[in-house]
């Protein structure tokens, strides 16, 4: 039977999720908004929800289940939808704005003004 890892939405993000408009399709989620909180063995996300429903570990809207293959499903008020992690952009710390584009050739000396 499959095992699902439980990702609990942090309370700071839950309020924003609660008031956001419901959209269908893939939901993009940020890793910083979640904390891993154990796992559950179940035949499907709905079976996992059902098994946790009457326990202190019940799933709340915004919580997610991650399958062994890495697919994630987010629990919404209307059921489970597919979700995808948004990975933060990595900055090199080098500001390239204002520099001329690389030409790949030999630099041409600038003649002195005068």
N, C-alpha and C. Protein backbone atom coordinates (compact mmCIF):
# COMPACT_ATOMS: atom_id res chain seq x y z
N UNK A 1 0.85 -1.18 0.00
CA UNK A 1 0.00 0.00 0.00
C UNK A 1 0.89 1.24 0.00
N UNK A 2 0.52 2.25 -0.78
CA UNK A 2 1.32 3.47 -0.85
C UNK A 2 1.41 4.21 0.49
N UNK A 3 2.53 4.91 0.67
CA UNK A 3 2.72 5.76 1.84
C UNK A 3 2.80 7.20 1.35
N UNK A 4 2.03 8.07 1.99
CA UNK A 4 2.02 9.49 1.65
C UNK A 4 2.67 10.29 2.76
N UNK A 5 3.60 11.17 2.37
CA UNK A 5 4.21 12.08 3.34
C UNK A 5 3.26 13.27 3.51
N UNK A 6 3.02 13.67 4.75
CA UNK A 6 2.11 14.77 5.04
C UNK A 6 2.89 16.07 5.17
N UNK A 7 2.46 17.08 4.42
CA UNK A 7 3.03 18.42 4.50
C UNK A 7 1.94 19.33 5.08
N UNK A 8 2.19 19.88 6.25
CA UNK A 8 1.24 20.77 6.91
C UNK A 8 1.54 22.21 6.52
N UNK A 9 0.49 22.93 6.14
CA UNK A 9 0.66 24.34 5.81
C UNK A 9 0.88 25.13 7.10
N UNK A 10 1.86 26.01 7.07
CA UNK A 10 2.12 26.87 8.23
C UNK A 10 0.94 27.83 8.42
N UNK A 11 0.65 28.16 9.66
CA UNK A 11 -0.49 29.02 9.97
C UNK A 11 -0.39 30.38 9.28
N UNK A 12 0.82 30.91 9.14
CA UNK A 12 0.99 32.21 8.49
C UNK A 12 0.51 32.19 7.04
N UNK A 13 0.65 31.07 6.36
CA UNK A 13 0.21 30.94 4.97
C UNK A 13 -1.25 30.48 4.88
N UNK A 14 -1.75 29.83 5.91
CA UNK A 14 -3.10 29.27 5.88
C UNK A 14 -4.17 30.35 5.73
N UNK A 15 -4.00 31.48 6.39
CA UNK A 15 -5.00 32.54 6.30
C UNK A 15 -5.10 33.09 4.87
N UNK A 16 -3.98 33.25 4.21
CA UNK A 16 -3.99 33.71 2.82
C UNK A 16 -4.64 32.66 1.93
N UNK A 17 -4.35 31.39 2.15
CA UNK A 17 -4.93 30.31 1.38
C UNK A 17 -6.45 30.28 1.56
N UNK A 18 -6.86 30.48 2.79
CA UNK A 18 -8.28 30.41 3.12
C UNK A 18 -9.10 31.43 2.33
N UNK A 19 -8.57 32.63 2.14
CA UNK A 19 -9.31 33.70 1.48
C UNK A 19 -9.03 33.82 -0.02
N UNK A 20 -8.13 33.02 -0.53
CA UNK A 20 -7.80 33.07 -1.96
C UNK A 20 -8.95 32.47 -2.78
N UNK A 21 -9.12 32.97 -3.98
CA UNK A 21 -10.15 32.43 -4.88
C UNK A 21 -9.78 31.01 -5.28
N UNK A 22 -10.79 30.16 -5.37
CA UNK A 22 -10.53 28.77 -5.80
C UNK A 22 -10.34 28.75 -7.30
N UNK A 23 -9.23 28.18 -7.74
CA UNK A 23 -8.97 28.02 -9.16
C UNK A 23 -8.75 26.55 -9.43
N UNK A 24 -9.16 26.11 -10.61
CA UNK A 24 -8.92 24.71 -10.95
C UNK A 24 -7.58 24.61 -11.67
N UNK A 25 -7.04 23.43 -11.68
CA UNK A 25 -5.75 23.22 -12.30
C UNK A 25 -4.66 23.05 -11.25
N UNK A 26 -3.43 23.10 -11.69
CA UNK A 26 -2.29 22.89 -10.82
C UNK A 26 -2.09 24.10 -9.90
N UNK A 27 -1.92 23.82 -8.60
CA UNK A 27 -1.66 24.88 -7.62
C UNK A 27 -0.16 24.94 -7.36
N UNK A 28 0.42 26.13 -7.49
CA UNK A 28 1.84 26.29 -7.21
C UNK A 28 2.01 26.65 -5.74
N UNK A 29 2.92 25.92 -5.06
CA UNK A 29 3.13 26.11 -3.63
C UNK A 29 4.61 26.34 -3.33
N UNK A 30 4.86 27.07 -2.24
CA UNK A 30 6.23 27.39 -1.84
C UNK A 30 6.66 26.46 -0.70
N UNK A 31 7.83 25.85 -0.81
CA UNK A 31 8.31 24.97 0.26
C UNK A 31 8.36 25.64 1.63
N UNK A 32 8.65 26.94 1.68
CA UNK A 32 8.76 27.63 2.96
C UNK A 32 7.43 27.71 3.70
N UNK A 33 6.31 27.49 3.00
CA UNK A 33 4.98 27.56 3.62
C UNK A 33 4.54 26.24 4.25
N UNK A 34 5.40 25.21 4.20
CA UNK A 34 5.03 23.87 4.66
C UNK A 34 6.07 23.28 5.60
N UNK A 35 5.60 22.37 6.42
CA UNK A 35 6.47 21.60 7.30
C UNK A 35 6.04 20.14 7.20
N UNK A 36 7.00 19.23 7.08
CA UNK A 36 6.69 17.80 7.00
C UNK A 36 6.22 17.32 8.37
N UNK A 37 5.13 16.56 8.38
CA UNK A 37 4.54 16.11 9.64
C UNK A 37 4.13 14.65 9.55
N UNK A 38 5.09 13.78 9.36
CA UNK A 38 4.81 12.35 9.37
C UNK A 38 4.33 11.82 8.04
N UNK A 39 3.70 10.65 8.10
CA UNK A 39 3.21 10.00 6.89
C UNK A 39 1.99 9.16 7.23
N UNK A 40 1.31 8.74 6.19
CA UNK A 40 0.11 7.92 6.35
C UNK A 40 0.10 6.87 5.23
N UNK A 41 -0.26 5.66 5.57
CA UNK A 41 -0.36 4.59 4.60
C UNK A 41 -1.82 4.49 4.16
N UNK A 42 -2.04 4.61 2.83
CA UNK A 42 -3.40 4.58 2.30
C UNK A 42 -3.37 4.26 0.82
N UNK A 43 -4.49 3.80 0.30
CA UNK A 43 -4.55 3.42 -1.11
C UNK A 43 -4.67 4.62 -2.04
N UNK A 44 -5.11 5.78 -1.52
CA UNK A 44 -5.27 6.98 -2.33
C UNK A 44 -5.27 8.20 -1.40
N UNK A 45 -5.14 9.40 -1.96
CA UNK A 45 -5.24 10.59 -1.10
C UNK A 45 -6.58 10.67 -0.35
N UNK A 46 -7.66 10.26 -1.00
CA UNK A 46 -8.97 10.31 -0.34
C UNK A 46 -9.05 9.28 0.80
N UNK A 47 -8.42 8.12 0.61
CA UNK A 47 -8.39 7.13 1.69
C UNK A 47 -7.55 7.65 2.86
N UNK A 48 -6.47 8.37 2.56
CA UNK A 48 -5.65 8.97 3.61
C UNK A 48 -6.46 10.02 4.37
N UNK A 49 -7.18 10.87 3.64
CA UNK A 49 -8.03 11.88 4.28
C UNK A 49 -9.07 11.21 5.18
N UNK A 50 -9.69 10.15 4.68
CA UNK A 50 -10.72 9.45 5.45
C UNK A 50 -10.15 8.83 6.72
N UNK A 51 -8.96 8.24 6.63
CA UNK A 51 -8.37 7.59 7.80
C UNK A 51 -7.93 8.60 8.87
N UNK A 52 -7.61 9.82 8.44
CA UNK A 52 -7.17 10.87 9.38
C UNK A 52 -8.31 11.77 9.85
N UNK A 53 -9.45 11.66 9.21
CA UNK A 53 -10.56 12.59 9.41
C UNK A 53 -11.01 12.74 10.86
N UNK A 54 -11.12 11.67 11.61
CA UNK A 54 -11.61 11.73 12.99
C UNK A 54 -10.49 11.64 14.02
N UNK A 55 -9.29 12.05 13.63
CA UNK A 55 -8.15 11.98 14.55
C UNK A 55 -7.61 13.40 14.78
N UNK A 56 -6.74 13.56 15.77
CA UNK A 56 -6.11 14.87 15.97
C UNK A 56 -5.24 15.30 14.78
N UNK A 57 -4.85 14.35 13.93
CA UNK A 57 -3.99 14.64 12.77
C UNK A 57 -4.80 14.89 11.50
N UNK A 58 -6.07 15.26 11.64
CA UNK A 58 -6.91 15.47 10.46
C UNK A 58 -6.28 16.46 9.48
N UNK A 59 -6.51 16.24 8.20
CA UNK A 59 -6.00 17.16 7.18
C UNK A 59 -6.89 18.39 7.14
N UNK A 60 -6.26 19.54 7.03
CA UNK A 60 -6.97 20.81 6.92
C UNK A 60 -6.74 21.39 5.54
N UNK A 61 -7.65 22.20 5.03
CA UNK A 61 -7.43 22.81 3.71
C UNK A 61 -6.07 23.50 3.66
N UNK A 62 -5.34 23.21 2.60
CA UNK A 62 -3.99 23.74 2.42
C UNK A 62 -2.92 22.70 2.69
N UNK A 63 -3.24 21.66 3.48
CA UNK A 63 -2.28 20.58 3.73
C UNK A 63 -2.11 19.76 2.46
N UNK A 64 -0.97 19.09 2.35
CA UNK A 64 -0.69 18.31 1.15
C UNK A 64 -0.24 16.90 1.48
N UNK A 65 -0.44 16.02 0.51
CA UNK A 65 0.06 14.65 0.59
C UNK A 65 1.02 14.45 -0.57
N UNK A 66 2.20 13.92 -0.26
CA UNK A 66 3.21 13.64 -1.29
C UNK A 66 3.35 12.14 -1.45
N UNK A 67 3.18 11.66 -2.68
CA UNK A 67 3.29 10.23 -2.95
C UNK A 67 4.75 9.79 -2.97
N UNK A 68 4.97 8.50 -2.96
CA UNK A 68 6.33 7.95 -3.00
C UNK A 68 7.06 8.35 -4.27
N UNK A 69 6.30 8.61 -5.35
CA UNK A 69 6.92 9.00 -6.61
C UNK A 69 7.20 10.50 -6.68
N UNK A 70 6.79 11.26 -5.64
CA UNK A 70 7.07 12.69 -5.59
C UNK A 70 5.92 13.58 -6.01
N UNK A 71 4.82 13.01 -6.50
CA UNK A 71 3.66 13.82 -6.87
C UNK A 71 2.99 14.37 -5.62
N UNK A 72 2.52 15.61 -5.69
CA UNK A 72 1.85 16.19 -4.52
C UNK A 72 0.43 16.59 -4.87
N UNK A 73 -0.44 16.39 -3.89
CA UNK A 73 -1.86 16.74 -4.00
C UNK A 73 -2.19 17.64 -2.82
N UNK A 74 -2.81 18.77 -3.11
CA UNK A 74 -3.18 19.72 -2.07
C UNK A 74 -4.65 19.53 -1.72
N UNK A 75 -4.94 19.53 -0.43
CA UNK A 75 -6.31 19.37 0.04
C UNK A 75 -6.98 20.73 0.04
N UNK A 76 -8.04 20.86 -0.76
CA UNK A 76 -8.81 22.10 -0.84
C UNK A 76 -10.20 21.83 -0.29
N UNK A 77 -11.00 22.84 -0.20
CA UNK A 77 -12.35 22.71 0.32
C UNK A 77 -13.21 21.78 -0.54
N UNK A 78 -12.84 21.60 -1.79
CA UNK A 78 -13.62 20.78 -2.72
C UNK A 78 -12.97 19.43 -3.01
N UNK A 79 -11.88 19.11 -2.35
CA UNK A 79 -11.19 17.84 -2.59
C UNK A 79 -9.70 18.06 -2.80
N UNK A 80 -9.07 17.13 -3.50
CA UNK A 80 -7.63 17.21 -3.76
C UNK A 80 -7.37 17.67 -5.18
N UNK A 81 -6.41 18.57 -5.34
CA UNK A 81 -5.95 19.02 -6.65
C UNK A 81 -4.45 18.79 -6.74
N UNK A 82 -3.97 18.71 -7.97
CA UNK A 82 -2.53 18.57 -8.20
C UNK A 82 -1.83 19.85 -7.78
N UNK A 83 -0.62 19.70 -7.24
CA UNK A 83 0.18 20.86 -6.83
C UNK A 83 1.61 20.68 -7.35
N UNK A 84 2.32 21.80 -7.39
CA UNK A 84 3.72 21.79 -7.86
C UNK A 84 4.50 22.78 -7.01
N UNK A 85 5.72 22.38 -6.63
CA UNK A 85 6.59 23.26 -5.84
C UNK A 85 7.08 24.40 -6.71
N UNK A 86 7.10 25.60 -6.17
CA UNK A 86 7.75 26.75 -6.80
C UNK A 86 9.12 26.86 -6.15
N UNK A 87 10.15 26.69 -6.92
CA UNK A 87 11.51 26.77 -6.37
C UNK A 87 12.00 28.20 -6.46
N UNK A 88 12.59 28.71 -5.38
CA UNK A 88 13.08 30.09 -5.40
C UNK A 88 14.22 30.26 -6.40
N UNK A 89 14.29 31.46 -7.00
CA UNK A 89 15.38 31.74 -7.92
C UNK A 89 16.67 31.90 -7.13
N UNK A 90 17.74 31.38 -7.69
CA UNK A 90 19.04 31.49 -7.05
C UNK A 90 19.78 32.66 -7.68
N UNK A 91 20.23 33.58 -6.86
CA UNK A 91 20.94 34.76 -7.34
C UNK A 91 22.43 34.54 -7.15
N UNK A 92 23.21 34.97 -8.16
CA UNK A 92 24.67 34.84 -8.07
C UNK A 92 25.27 35.95 -7.22
N UNK A 93 24.49 37.00 -6.99
CA UNK A 93 25.01 38.13 -6.23
C UNK A 93 25.77 39.12 -7.09
N UNK A 94 25.90 38.85 -8.38
CA UNK A 94 26.61 39.74 -9.31
C UNK A 94 25.57 40.54 -10.09
N UNK A 95 25.70 41.85 -10.07
CA UNK A 95 24.77 42.72 -10.78
C UNK A 95 25.31 42.94 -12.19
N UNK A 96 24.63 42.40 -13.18
CA UNK A 96 25.09 42.52 -14.57
C UNK A 96 24.35 43.62 -15.32
N UNK A 97 23.45 44.30 -14.64
CA UNK A 97 22.69 45.35 -15.29
C UNK A 97 23.61 46.49 -15.72
N UNK A 98 23.43 46.96 -16.94
CA UNK A 98 24.22 48.07 -17.44
C UNK A 98 25.49 47.64 -18.16
N UNK A 99 25.86 46.38 -18.08
CA UNK A 99 27.04 45.90 -18.80
C UNK A 99 26.65 45.56 -20.23
N UNK A 100 27.58 45.77 -21.18
CA UNK A 100 27.27 45.41 -22.57
C UNK A 100 27.18 43.89 -22.70
N UNK A 101 26.40 43.41 -23.66
CA UNK A 101 26.29 41.96 -23.85
C UNK A 101 27.63 41.38 -24.27
N UNK A 102 27.88 40.14 -23.89
CA UNK A 102 29.13 39.46 -24.25
C UNK A 102 29.11 39.19 -25.74
N UNK A 103 30.19 39.54 -26.43
CA UNK A 103 30.25 39.34 -27.88
C UNK A 103 31.04 38.08 -28.24
N UNK A 104 31.88 37.63 -27.34
CA UNK A 104 32.66 36.44 -27.61
C UNK A 104 33.94 36.75 -28.38
N UNK A 105 34.13 38.00 -28.80
CA UNK A 105 35.33 38.36 -29.54
C UNK A 105 36.36 39.05 -28.67
N UNK A 106 37.39 39.57 -29.32
CA UNK A 106 38.45 40.28 -28.62
C UNK A 106 37.99 41.71 -28.36
N UNK A 107 38.22 42.22 -27.17
CA UNK A 107 37.79 43.60 -26.90
C UNK A 107 38.55 44.59 -27.79
N UNK A 108 37.83 45.61 -28.23
CA UNK A 108 38.40 46.65 -29.08
C UNK A 108 38.78 47.83 -28.20
N UNK A 109 40.04 48.26 -28.28
CA UNK A 109 40.43 49.41 -27.44
C UNK A 109 39.70 50.66 -27.88
N UNK A 110 39.36 51.47 -26.91
CA UNK A 110 38.68 52.74 -27.18
C UNK A 110 39.75 53.80 -27.39
N UNK A 111 39.67 54.55 -28.52
CA UNK A 111 40.67 55.59 -28.76
C UNK A 111 40.51 56.73 -27.75
N UNK A 112 41.61 57.36 -27.37
CA UNK A 112 41.52 58.47 -26.42
C UNK A 112 40.74 59.62 -27.03
N UNK A 113 39.99 60.32 -26.19
CA UNK A 113 39.22 61.47 -26.64
C UNK A 113 40.17 62.65 -26.87
N UNK A 114 39.92 63.43 -27.87
CA UNK A 114 40.76 64.60 -27.96
C UNK A 114 40.98 65.11 -29.26
